[in-house]
Amino acid sequence: MDGFEGQLIALAPRLRRHARGLTSDAAQADDLVQDTLERALRYRWRFRLRPGAWWGDGADGLLPWLLTLMHRLRLNAVRRKDLVVAMETLPEVSAPATDPGLRRDLLQALTALPEAQRAVLLLVSLEQFTYAEAAQVLNVPVGTVMSRLARAREHMRILLDGTGRPQPATQATDPATTLQRVK
């Protein structure tokens, strides 16, 4: 299998990793990857007809297109179900064996994030997309990506901090360190 099909096969592990981060369930992730690859094969002509698009040609450019398909399929599934399923078991994601408790905490914190924040965090942190590329994949403005990412990072920090709630801001007593409005 050369060409388009070969590129899809080569990108399948990355799609599966990303789908597991989105769904937090191995079976749902596999279904999402299968639906994404099926749709990519069905609509391969759309990728080839867009040579001037931001994702370009080849395997490097195919991944953003596939992730766009995956996110749209995921949104459609969430809208159809419109229910939250509690995670019974942790997904099998490879992680450093040094601290299995940290892995569990990270997965639980990631699962606790709202869907939109989790998607942005995975695209920027895990897939290492730029803000513009993540905005293109999610079909939102770049500013929305930046604000969702900031909220996701803050939410993760709070969840991993152990307190489960935001820390109160410290009051600055030195007048030189306080902000003043200048008009």
N, C-alpha and C. Protein backbone atom coordinates (compact mmCIF):
# COMPACT_ATOMS: atom_id res chain seq x y z
N MET A 1 0.84 -1.19 0.00
CA MET A 1 0.00 0.00 0.00
C MET A 1 0.88 1.24 0.00
N ASP A 2 0.88 1.91 -1.08
CA ASP A 2 1.66 3.15 -1.20
C ASP A 2 0.71 4.32 -1.24
N GLY A 3 1.26 5.49 -1.17
CA GLY A 3 0.48 6.71 -1.32
C GLY A 3 -0.36 7.03 -0.11
N PHE A 4 -1.60 7.39 -0.40
CA PHE A 4 -2.51 7.88 0.62
C PHE A 4 -2.78 6.84 1.70
N GLU A 5 -3.05 5.60 1.29
CA GLU A 5 -3.35 4.54 2.26
C GLU A 5 -2.14 4.27 3.16
N GLY A 6 -0.96 4.28 2.60
CA GLY A 6 0.26 4.07 3.39
C GLY A 6 0.46 5.18 4.42
N GLN A 7 0.16 6.42 4.01
CA GLN A 7 0.28 7.53 4.95
C GLN A 7 -0.73 7.40 6.09
N LEU A 8 -1.95 6.93 5.77
CA LEU A 8 -2.95 6.72 6.81
C LEU A 8 -2.49 5.67 7.81
N ILE A 9 -1.93 4.59 7.31
CA ILE A 9 -1.44 3.53 8.19
C ILE A 9 -0.31 4.04 9.07
N ALA A 10 0.57 4.85 8.50
CA ALA A 10 1.69 5.38 9.27
C ALA A 10 1.23 6.34 10.37
N LEU A 11 0.14 7.05 10.14
CA LEU A 11 -0.36 8.03 11.11
C LEU A 11 -1.35 7.44 12.11
N ALA A 12 -1.76 6.20 11.92
CA ALA A 12 -2.76 5.58 12.80
C ALA A 12 -2.35 5.57 14.27
N PRO A 13 -1.09 5.26 14.63
CA PRO A 13 -0.73 5.29 16.06
C PRO A 13 -0.88 6.68 16.69
N ARG A 14 -0.53 7.72 15.95
CA ARG A 14 -0.69 9.08 16.49
C ARG A 14 -2.17 9.43 16.64
N LEU A 15 -2.99 9.00 15.69
CA LEU A 15 -4.42 9.23 15.80
C LEU A 15 -5.00 8.51 17.01
N ARG A 16 -4.54 7.28 17.22
CA ARG A 16 -5.04 6.50 18.34
C ARG A 16 -4.64 7.15 19.67
N ARG A 17 -3.42 7.62 19.76
CA ARG A 17 -2.96 8.29 20.98
C ARG A 17 -3.80 9.54 21.25
N HIS A 18 -4.07 10.30 20.21
CA HIS A 18 -4.85 11.52 20.37
C HIS A 18 -6.30 11.17 20.74
N ALA A 19 -6.85 10.16 20.11
CA ALA A 19 -8.23 9.76 20.41
C ALA A 19 -8.36 9.27 21.84
N ARG A 20 -7.36 8.58 22.36
CA ARG A 20 -7.41 8.13 23.74
C ARG A 20 -7.39 9.31 24.70
N GLY A 21 -6.66 10.35 24.35
CA GLY A 21 -6.67 11.55 25.18
C GLY A 21 -8.02 12.25 25.15
N LEU A 22 -8.69 12.22 24.01
CA LEU A 22 -9.99 12.87 23.89
C LEU A 22 -11.09 12.11 24.62
N THR A 23 -11.08 10.78 24.47
CA THR A 23 -12.21 9.99 24.96
C THR A 23 -11.98 9.38 26.33
N SER A 24 -10.74 9.16 26.73
CA SER A 24 -10.39 8.49 27.99
C SER A 24 -10.94 7.08 28.07
N ASP A 25 -11.18 6.46 26.92
CA ASP A 25 -11.69 5.10 26.88
C ASP A 25 -11.11 4.42 25.64
N ALA A 26 -10.49 3.27 25.83
CA ALA A 26 -9.80 2.59 24.73
C ALA A 26 -10.77 2.18 23.62
N ALA A 27 -11.93 1.65 23.98
CA ALA A 27 -12.89 1.20 22.96
C ALA A 27 -13.44 2.38 22.16
N GLN A 28 -13.80 3.45 22.85
CA GLN A 28 -14.29 4.64 22.15
C GLN A 28 -13.20 5.24 21.28
N ALA A 29 -11.97 5.23 21.75
CA ALA A 29 -10.86 5.77 20.98
C ALA A 29 -10.65 4.96 19.70
N ASP A 30 -10.70 3.65 19.81
CA ASP A 30 -10.55 2.81 18.63
C ASP A 30 -11.67 3.05 17.63
N ASP A 31 -12.89 3.20 18.12
CA ASP A 31 -14.01 3.49 17.23
C ASP A 31 -13.83 4.85 16.55
N LEU A 32 -13.35 5.82 17.30
CA LEU A 32 -13.14 7.15 16.74
C LEU A 32 -12.05 7.13 15.66
N VAL A 33 -10.98 6.40 15.91
CA VAL A 33 -9.91 6.29 14.91
C VAL A 33 -10.43 5.59 13.66
N GLN A 34 -11.20 4.52 13.85
CA GLN A 34 -11.74 3.80 12.71
C GLN A 34 -12.67 4.70 11.89
N ASP A 35 -13.54 5.45 12.56
CA ASP A 35 -14.44 6.36 11.85
C ASP A 35 -13.65 7.44 11.12
N THR A 36 -12.59 7.93 11.75
CA THR A 36 -11.76 8.97 11.13
C THR A 36 -11.08 8.43 9.87
N LEU A 37 -10.49 7.26 9.97
CA LEU A 37 -9.80 6.68 8.81
C LEU A 37 -10.78 6.34 7.71
N GLU A 38 -11.96 5.86 8.09
CA GLU A 38 -12.98 5.55 7.08
C GLU A 38 -13.41 6.82 6.34
N ARG A 39 -13.62 7.88 7.09
CA ARG A 39 -14.02 9.14 6.46
C ARG A 39 -12.90 9.71 5.60
N ALA A 40 -11.66 9.56 6.05
CA ALA A 40 -10.52 10.05 5.28
C ALA A 40 -10.43 9.31 3.95
N LEU A 41 -10.64 8.00 3.98
CA LEU A 41 -10.61 7.24 2.72
C LEU A 41 -11.77 7.63 1.81
N ARG A 42 -12.93 7.83 2.39
CA ARG A 42 -14.10 8.20 1.60
C ARG A 42 -13.94 9.57 0.96
N TYR A 43 -13.31 10.51 1.69
CA TYR A 43 -13.18 11.89 1.21
C TYR A 43 -11.74 12.27 0.90
N ARG A 44 -10.94 11.31 0.48
CA ARG A 44 -9.53 11.60 0.18
C ARG A 44 -9.37 12.66 -0.89
N TRP A 45 -10.32 12.76 -1.79
CA TRP A 45 -10.25 13.76 -2.85
C TRP A 45 -10.29 15.18 -2.28
N ARG A 46 -10.89 15.39 -1.13
CA ARG A 46 -10.92 16.72 -0.53
C ARG A 46 -9.53 17.15 -0.07
N PHE A 47 -8.75 16.22 0.43
CA PHE A 47 -7.40 16.56 0.85
C PHE A 47 -6.54 16.88 -0.36
N ARG A 48 -6.66 16.14 -1.40
CA ARG A 48 -5.84 16.35 -2.60
C ARG A 48 -6.25 17.60 -3.36
N LEU A 49 -7.49 18.04 -3.24
CA LEU A 49 -7.94 19.22 -3.96
C LEU A 49 -7.55 20.52 -3.26
N ARG A 50 -6.90 20.42 -2.10
CA ARG A 50 -6.53 21.62 -1.36
C ARG A 50 -5.01 21.76 -1.27
N PRO A 51 -4.31 21.87 -2.38
CA PRO A 51 -2.84 21.95 -2.29
C PRO A 51 -2.35 23.25 -1.65
N GLY A 52 -3.12 24.31 -1.69
CA GLY A 52 -2.68 25.58 -1.13
C GLY A 52 -3.10 25.79 0.30
N ALA A 53 -3.78 24.81 0.89
CA ALA A 53 -4.25 24.97 2.27
C ALA A 53 -3.07 24.95 3.22
N TRP A 54 -3.30 25.34 4.46
CA TRP A 54 -2.21 25.49 5.43
C TRP A 54 -1.53 24.18 5.75
N TRP A 55 -2.18 23.06 5.56
CA TRP A 55 -1.55 21.79 5.94
C TRP A 55 -0.68 21.22 4.86
N GLY A 56 -0.74 21.74 3.65
CA GLY A 56 0.18 21.32 2.60
C GLY A 56 -0.08 19.91 2.12
N ASP A 57 0.93 19.28 1.56
CA ASP A 57 0.83 17.93 1.02
C ASP A 57 1.69 16.98 1.82
N GLY A 58 1.45 15.71 1.68
CA GLY A 58 2.29 14.69 2.29
C GLY A 58 1.82 14.27 3.67
N ALA A 59 2.57 13.38 4.30
CA ALA A 59 2.19 12.83 5.61
C ALA A 59 2.18 13.90 6.69
N ASP A 60 3.11 14.87 6.63
CA ASP A 60 3.13 15.92 7.64
C ASP A 60 1.87 16.79 7.55
N GLY A 61 1.39 17.01 6.34
CA GLY A 61 0.18 17.81 6.17
C GLY A 61 -1.09 17.02 6.34
N LEU A 62 -1.01 15.73 6.26
CA LEU A 62 -2.19 14.89 6.39
C LEU A 62 -2.67 14.82 7.84
N LEU A 63 -1.77 14.85 8.80
CA LEU A 63 -2.15 14.74 10.21
C LEU A 63 -3.12 15.83 10.65
N PRO A 64 -2.88 17.10 10.38
CA PRO A 64 -3.86 18.12 10.79
C PRO A 64 -5.24 17.90 10.17
N TRP A 65 -5.26 17.45 8.92
CA TRP A 65 -6.53 17.19 8.25
C TRP A 65 -7.26 16.04 8.95
N LEU A 66 -6.52 14.99 9.30
CA LEU A 66 -7.12 13.84 9.99
C LEU A 66 -7.60 14.24 11.39
N LEU A 67 -6.83 15.07 12.07
CA LEU A 67 -7.25 15.52 13.40
C LEU A 67 -8.49 16.41 13.32
N THR A 68 -8.61 17.19 12.26
CA THR A 68 -9.83 17.97 12.05
C THR A 68 -11.03 17.05 11.88
N LEU A 69 -10.86 16.02 11.05
CA LEU A 69 -11.94 15.04 10.89
C LEU A 69 -12.29 14.39 12.23
N MET A 70 -11.25 14.03 12.99
CA MET A 70 -11.48 13.36 14.28
C MET A 70 -12.23 14.26 15.24
N HIS A 71 -11.85 15.52 15.33
CA HIS A 71 -12.52 16.42 16.26
C HIS A 71 -13.97 16.66 15.85
N ARG A 72 -14.23 16.75 14.57
CA ARG A 72 -15.60 16.94 14.13
C ARG A 72 -16.45 15.71 14.39
N LEU A 73 -15.87 14.52 14.17
CA LEU A 73 -16.59 13.29 14.49
C LEU A 73 -16.86 13.20 15.99
N ARG A 74 -15.88 13.59 16.80
CA ARG A 74 -16.04 13.56 18.26
C ARG A 74 -17.13 14.53 18.70
N LEU A 75 -17.15 15.72 18.14
CA LEU A 75 -18.19 16.69 18.49
C LEU A 75 -19.57 16.17 18.10
N ASN A 76 -19.67 15.55 16.93
CA ASN A 76 -20.94 14.97 16.51
C ASN A 76 -21.39 13.89 17.48
N ALA A 77 -20.46 13.04 17.92
CA ALA A 77 -20.81 11.97 18.86
C ALA A 77 -21.24 12.54 20.21
N VAL A 78 -20.54 13.56 20.68
CA VAL A 78 -20.89 14.17 21.97
C VAL A 78 -22.25 14.83 21.88
N ARG A 79 -22.52 15.50 20.78
CA ARG A 79 -23.81 16.16 20.62
C ARG A 79 -24.95 15.14 20.56
N ARG A 80 -24.69 13.99 19.91
CA ARG A 80 -25.72 12.95 19.82
C ARG A 80 -26.00 12.34 21.18
N LYS A 81 -24.96 11.99 21.89
CA LYS A 81 -25.15 11.32 23.18
C LYS A 81 -25.60 12.29 24.25
N ASP A 82 -24.90 13.42 24.32
CA ASP A 82 -25.19 14.46 25.30
C ASP A 82 -25.28 13.91 26.72
N LEU A 83 -24.36 13.01 27.05
CA LEU A 83 -24.28 12.50 28.41
C LEU A 83 -22.84 12.25 28.77
N VAL A 84 -22.58 12.24 30.06
CA VAL A 84 -21.22 12.04 30.54
C VAL A 84 -21.13 10.62 31.09
N VAL A 85 -20.10 9.90 30.67
CA VAL A 85 -19.89 8.55 31.14
C VAL A 85 -18.68 8.55 32.06
N ALA A 86 -18.85 8.04 33.26
CA ALA A 86 -17.74 7.97 34.21
C ALA A 86 -16.75 6.91 33.75
N MET A 87 -15.48 7.19 33.94
CA MET A 87 -14.45 6.27 33.51
C MET A 87 -14.26 5.20 34.58
N GLU A 88 -14.43 3.94 34.18
CA GLU A 88 -14.28 2.81 35.11
C GLU A 88 -12.81 2.41 35.24
N THR A 89 -12.10 2.38 34.11
CA THR A 89 -10.70 1.97 34.13
C THR A 89 -9.86 3.02 33.44
N LEU A 90 -8.60 3.03 33.75
CA LEU A 90 -7.68 3.97 33.13
C LEU A 90 -7.26 3.46 31.76
N PRO A 91 -7.13 4.35 30.77
CA PRO A 91 -6.67 3.90 29.46
C PRO A 91 -5.22 3.44 29.52
N GLU A 92 -4.86 2.54 28.62
CA GLU A 92 -3.51 2.01 28.56
C GLU A 92 -2.65 2.94 27.71
N VAL A 93 -2.05 3.92 28.34
CA VAL A 93 -1.19 4.88 27.66
C VAL A 93 0.22 4.69 28.19
N SER A 94 1.18 4.62 27.27
CA SER A 94 2.55 4.43 27.73
C SER A 94 3.03 5.70 28.42
N ALA A 95 3.64 5.51 29.57
CA ALA A 95 4.15 6.63 30.36
C ALA A 95 5.41 6.15 31.07
N PRO A 96 6.22 7.06 31.53
CA PRO A 96 7.40 6.64 32.27
C PRO A 96 7.00 5.79 33.49
N ALA A 97 7.74 4.73 33.71
CA ALA A 97 7.41 3.80 34.80
C ALA A 97 7.88 4.31 36.15
N THR A 98 8.44 5.51 36.22
CA THR A 98 8.99 6.00 37.47
C THR A 98 7.91 6.31 38.50
N ASP A 99 6.76 6.83 38.09
CA ASP A 99 5.74 7.20 39.04
C ASP A 99 4.35 6.88 38.48
N PRO A 100 3.82 5.67 38.74
CA PRO A 100 2.50 5.33 38.22
C PRO A 100 1.40 6.17 38.84
N GLY A 101 1.60 6.69 40.03
CA GLY A 101 0.60 7.55 40.65
C GLY A 101 0.44 8.86 39.90
N LEU A 102 1.55 9.39 39.40
CA LEU A 102 1.49 10.62 38.62
C LEU A 102 0.70 10.40 37.34
N ARG A 103 0.91 9.27 36.70
CA ARG A 103 0.18 8.94 35.47
C ARG A 103 -1.32 8.91 35.75
N ARG A 104 -1.70 8.26 36.84
CA ARG A 104 -3.11 8.18 37.20
C ARG A 104 -3.67 9.57 37.48
N ASP A 105 -2.93 10.37 38.22
CA ASP A 105 -3.38 11.73 38.54
C ASP A 105 -3.54 12.58 37.28
N LEU A 106 -2.58 12.47 36.37
CA LEU A 106 -2.66 13.22 35.11
C LEU A 106 -3.87 12.81 34.29
N LEU A 107 -4.11 11.51 34.20
CA LEU A 107 -5.26 11.04 33.42
C LEU A 107 -6.58 11.47 34.06
N GLN A 108 -6.66 11.42 35.37
CA GLN A 108 -7.88 11.87 36.04
C GLN A 108 -8.09 13.37 35.87
N ALA A 109 -7.02 14.14 35.96
CA ALA A 109 -7.13 15.59 35.77
C ALA A 109 -7.51 15.91 34.34
N LEU A 110 -6.94 15.20 33.39
CA LEU A 110 -7.27 15.41 31.98
C LEU A 110 -8.73 15.07 31.71
N THR A 111 -9.22 14.02 32.34
CA THR A 111 -10.62 13.63 32.17
C THR A 111 -11.56 14.66 32.78
N ALA A 112 -11.11 15.34 33.84
CA ALA A 112 -11.95 16.33 34.51
C ALA A 112 -12.08 17.63 33.72
N LEU A 113 -11.21 17.84 32.74
CA LEU A 113 -11.29 19.07 31.95
C LEU A 113 -12.53 19.06 31.06
N PRO A 114 -13.11 20.23 30.80
CA PRO A 114 -14.18 20.30 29.80
C PRO A 114 -13.64 19.89 28.42
N GLU A 115 -14.52 19.38 27.59
CA GLU A 115 -14.14 18.84 26.28
C GLU A 115 -13.34 19.84 25.44
N ALA A 116 -13.79 21.09 25.39
CA ALA A 116 -13.11 22.09 24.56
C ALA A 116 -11.70 22.37 25.07
N GLN A 117 -11.53 22.46 26.37
CA GLN A 117 -10.20 22.71 26.94
C GLN A 117 -9.29 21.51 26.74
N ARG A 118 -9.83 20.30 26.88
CA ARG A 118 -9.03 19.10 26.70
C ARG A 118 -8.53 19.00 25.27
N ALA A 119 -9.39 19.32 24.31
CA ALA A 119 -9.01 19.24 22.90
C ALA A 119 -7.86 20.20 22.59
N VAL A 120 -7.95 21.42 23.08
CA VAL A 120 -6.89 22.41 22.83
C VAL A 120 -5.60 21.99 23.52
N LEU A 121 -5.69 21.53 24.76
CA LEU A 121 -4.51 21.12 25.50
C LEU A 121 -3.80 19.95 24.80
N LEU A 122 -4.56 19.00 24.29
CA LEU A 122 -3.96 17.86 23.60
C LEU A 122 -3.30 18.29 22.29
N LEU A 123 -3.96 19.17 21.55
CA LEU A 123 -3.39 19.60 20.27
C LEU A 123 -2.09 20.39 20.47
N VAL A 124 -2.09 21.31 21.41
CA VAL A 124 -0.92 22.17 21.60
C VAL A 124 0.19 21.45 22.36
N SER A 125 -0.16 20.73 23.42
CA SER A 125 0.86 20.11 24.26
C SER A 125 1.32 18.76 23.74
N LEU A 126 0.39 17.91 23.37
CA LEU A 126 0.76 16.57 22.95
C LEU A 126 1.18 16.52 21.49
N GLU A 127 0.37 17.10 20.62
CA GLU A 127 0.67 17.07 19.18
C GLU A 127 1.61 18.18 18.75
N GLN A 128 1.87 19.14 19.63
CA GLN A 128 2.77 20.25 19.40
C GLN A 128 2.37 21.09 18.18
N PHE A 129 1.06 21.34 18.06
CA PHE A 129 0.56 22.22 17.01
C PHE A 129 0.75 23.67 17.45
N THR A 130 0.88 24.56 16.50
CA THR A 130 0.89 25.98 16.83
C THR A 130 -0.53 26.40 17.16
N TYR A 131 -0.68 27.58 17.73
CA TYR A 131 -2.02 28.06 18.05
C TYR A 131 -2.85 28.18 16.77
N ALA A 132 -2.25 28.66 15.70
CA ALA A 132 -2.97 28.83 14.44
C ALA A 132 -3.42 27.48 13.89
N GLU A 133 -2.56 26.47 13.97
CA GLU A 133 -2.93 25.15 13.48
C GLU A 133 -4.03 24.54 14.33
N ALA A 134 -3.95 24.69 15.64
CA ALA A 134 -5.00 24.18 16.52
C ALA A 134 -6.32 24.90 16.26
N ALA A 135 -6.26 26.19 16.02
CA ALA A 135 -7.47 26.95 15.71
C ALA A 135 -8.10 26.46 14.41
N GLN A 136 -7.25 26.15 13.43
CA GLN A 136 -7.75 25.64 12.15
C GLN A 136 -8.40 24.27 12.33
N VAL A 137 -7.78 23.40 13.11
CA VAL A 137 -8.31 22.06 13.35
C VAL A 137 -9.66 22.14 14.06
N LEU A 138 -9.76 23.00 15.07
CA LEU A 138 -10.98 23.10 15.88
C LEU A 138 -12.00 24.07 15.31
N ASN A 139 -11.61 24.80 14.27
CA ASN A 139 -12.48 25.76 13.61
C ASN A 139 -12.96 26.85 14.59
N VAL A 140 -11.99 27.41 15.33
CA VAL A 140 -12.25 28.50 16.27
C VAL A 140 -11.17 29.56 16.05
N PRO A 141 -11.38 30.79 16.52
CA PRO A 141 -10.35 31.82 16.40
C PRO A 141 -9.12 31.49 17.26
N VAL A 142 -7.98 32.06 16.89
CA VAL A 142 -6.74 31.83 17.61
C VAL A 142 -6.85 32.31 19.05
N GLY A 143 -7.53 33.42 19.28
CA GLY A 143 -7.71 33.93 20.63
C GLY A 143 -8.48 32.95 21.51
N THR A 144 -9.43 32.25 20.93
CA THR A 144 -10.19 31.24 21.67
C THR A 144 -9.28 30.09 22.06
N VAL A 145 -8.38 29.69 21.16
CA VAL A 145 -7.42 28.64 21.47
C VAL A 145 -6.54 29.07 22.63
N MET A 146 -6.06 30.30 22.59
CA MET A 146 -5.18 30.78 23.65
C MET A 146 -5.89 30.83 24.99
N SER A 147 -7.13 31.32 25.01
CA SER A 147 -7.84 31.41 26.29
C SER A 147 -8.23 30.03 26.82
N ARG A 148 -8.65 29.12 25.93
CA ARG A 148 -8.97 27.76 26.38
C ARG A 148 -7.73 27.05 26.90
N LEU A 149 -6.60 27.28 26.25
CA LEU A 149 -5.36 26.66 26.70
C LEU A 149 -4.95 27.20 28.07
N ALA A 150 -5.08 28.50 28.27
CA ALA A 150 -4.74 29.09 29.57
C ALA A 150 -5.66 28.54 30.66
N ARG A 151 -6.95 28.44 30.36
CA ARG A 151 -7.88 27.89 31.35
C ARG A 151 -7.60 26.42 31.62
N ALA A 152 -7.26 25.67 30.57
CA ALA A 152 -6.96 24.24 30.75
C ALA A 152 -5.71 24.05 31.60
N ARG A 153 -4.68 24.83 31.34
CA ARG A 153 -3.46 24.72 32.14
C ARG A 153 -3.71 25.09 33.59
N GLU A 154 -4.49 26.14 33.82
CA GLU A 154 -4.81 26.55 35.19
C GLU A 154 -5.64 25.48 35.88
N HIS A 155 -6.61 24.92 35.16
CA HIS A 155 -7.45 23.87 35.73
C HIS A 155 -6.59 22.64 36.07
N MET A 156 -5.68 22.27 35.19
CA MET A 156 -4.79 21.13 35.45
C MET A 156 -3.90 21.42 36.67
N ARG A 157 -3.39 22.64 36.76
CA ARG A 157 -2.54 23.00 37.89
C ARG A 157 -3.32 22.88 39.19
N ILE A 158 -4.54 23.35 39.19
CA ILE A 158 -5.37 23.28 40.40
C ILE A 158 -5.66 21.83 40.77
N LEU A 159 -6.01 21.03 39.77
CA LEU A 159 -6.33 19.63 40.05
C LEU A 159 -5.11 18.84 40.52
N LEU A 160 -3.95 19.13 39.96
CA LEU A 160 -2.74 18.40 40.34
C LEU A 160 -2.09 18.97 41.59
N ASP A 161 -2.52 20.15 42.00
CA ASP A 161 -1.97 20.79 43.21
C ASP A 161 -2.42 20.05 44.47
N GLY A 162 -3.53 19.35 44.36
CA GLY A 162 -4.01 18.59 45.50
C GLY A 162 -5.09 19.28 46.30
N THR A 163 -5.32 20.55 46.04
CA THR A 163 -6.34 21.26 46.79
C THR A 163 -7.70 21.13 46.15
N GLY A 164 -7.74 20.99 44.83
CA GLY A 164 -9.00 20.85 44.13
C GLY A 164 -9.74 22.15 43.94
N ARG A 165 -9.17 23.25 44.37
CA ARG A 165 -9.81 24.56 44.18
C ARG A 165 -8.72 25.61 43.99
N PRO A 166 -9.07 26.74 43.39
CA PRO A 166 -8.06 27.76 43.14
C PRO A 166 -7.46 28.31 44.43
N GLN A 167 -6.20 28.63 44.35
CA GLN A 167 -5.50 29.23 45.48
C GLN A 167 -5.87 30.71 45.55
N PRO A 168 -6.08 31.25 46.75
CA PRO A 168 -6.37 32.68 46.84
C PRO A 168 -5.15 33.48 46.42
N ALA A 169 -5.41 34.57 45.74
CA ALA A 169 -4.33 35.43 45.30
C ALA A 169 -3.71 36.12 46.51
N THR A 170 -2.40 36.24 46.49
CA THR A 170 -1.72 36.90 47.61
C THR A 170 -1.85 38.40 47.43
N GLN A 171 -2.09 39.08 48.52
CA GLN A 171 -2.23 40.53 48.49
C GLN A 171 -0.85 41.17 48.58
N ALA A 172 -0.58 42.07 47.67
CA ALA A 172 0.70 42.79 47.69
C ALA A 172 0.58 43.96 48.66
N THR A 173 1.50 44.05 49.59
CA THR A 173 1.46 45.13 50.57
C THR A 173 2.33 46.30 50.15
N ASP A 174 3.28 46.05 49.28
CA ASP A 174 4.18 47.10 48.82
C ASP A 174 3.48 47.89 47.72
N PRO A 175 3.28 49.21 47.88
CA PRO A 175 2.59 49.99 46.86
C PRO A 175 3.32 49.98 45.52
N ALA A 176 4.60 49.74 45.51
CA ALA A 176 5.35 49.73 44.26
C ALA A 176 5.03 48.50 43.41
N THR A 177 4.52 47.43 44.05
CA THR A 177 4.22 46.21 43.31
C THR A 177 2.77 46.11 42.88
N THR A 178 1.91 47.03 43.29
CA THR A 178 0.50 46.98 42.90
C THR A 178 0.32 47.64 41.55
N LEU A 179 -0.64 47.15 40.81
CA LEU A 179 -0.95 47.72 39.50
C LEU A 179 -1.88 48.90 39.66
N GLN A 180 -1.68 49.91 38.83
CA GLN A 180 -2.54 51.06 38.85
C GLN A 180 -3.02 51.29 37.42
N ARG A 181 -4.26 51.73 37.31
CA ARG A 181 -4.83 52.03 36.00
C ARG A 181 -4.34 53.39 35.53
N VAL A 182 -3.84 53.43 34.31
CA VAL A 182 -3.37 54.68 33.72
C VAL A 182 -4.20 54.92 32.48
N LYS A 183 -4.80 56.10 32.41
CA LYS A 183 -5.63 56.41 31.26
C LYS A 183 -4.96 57.40 30.35
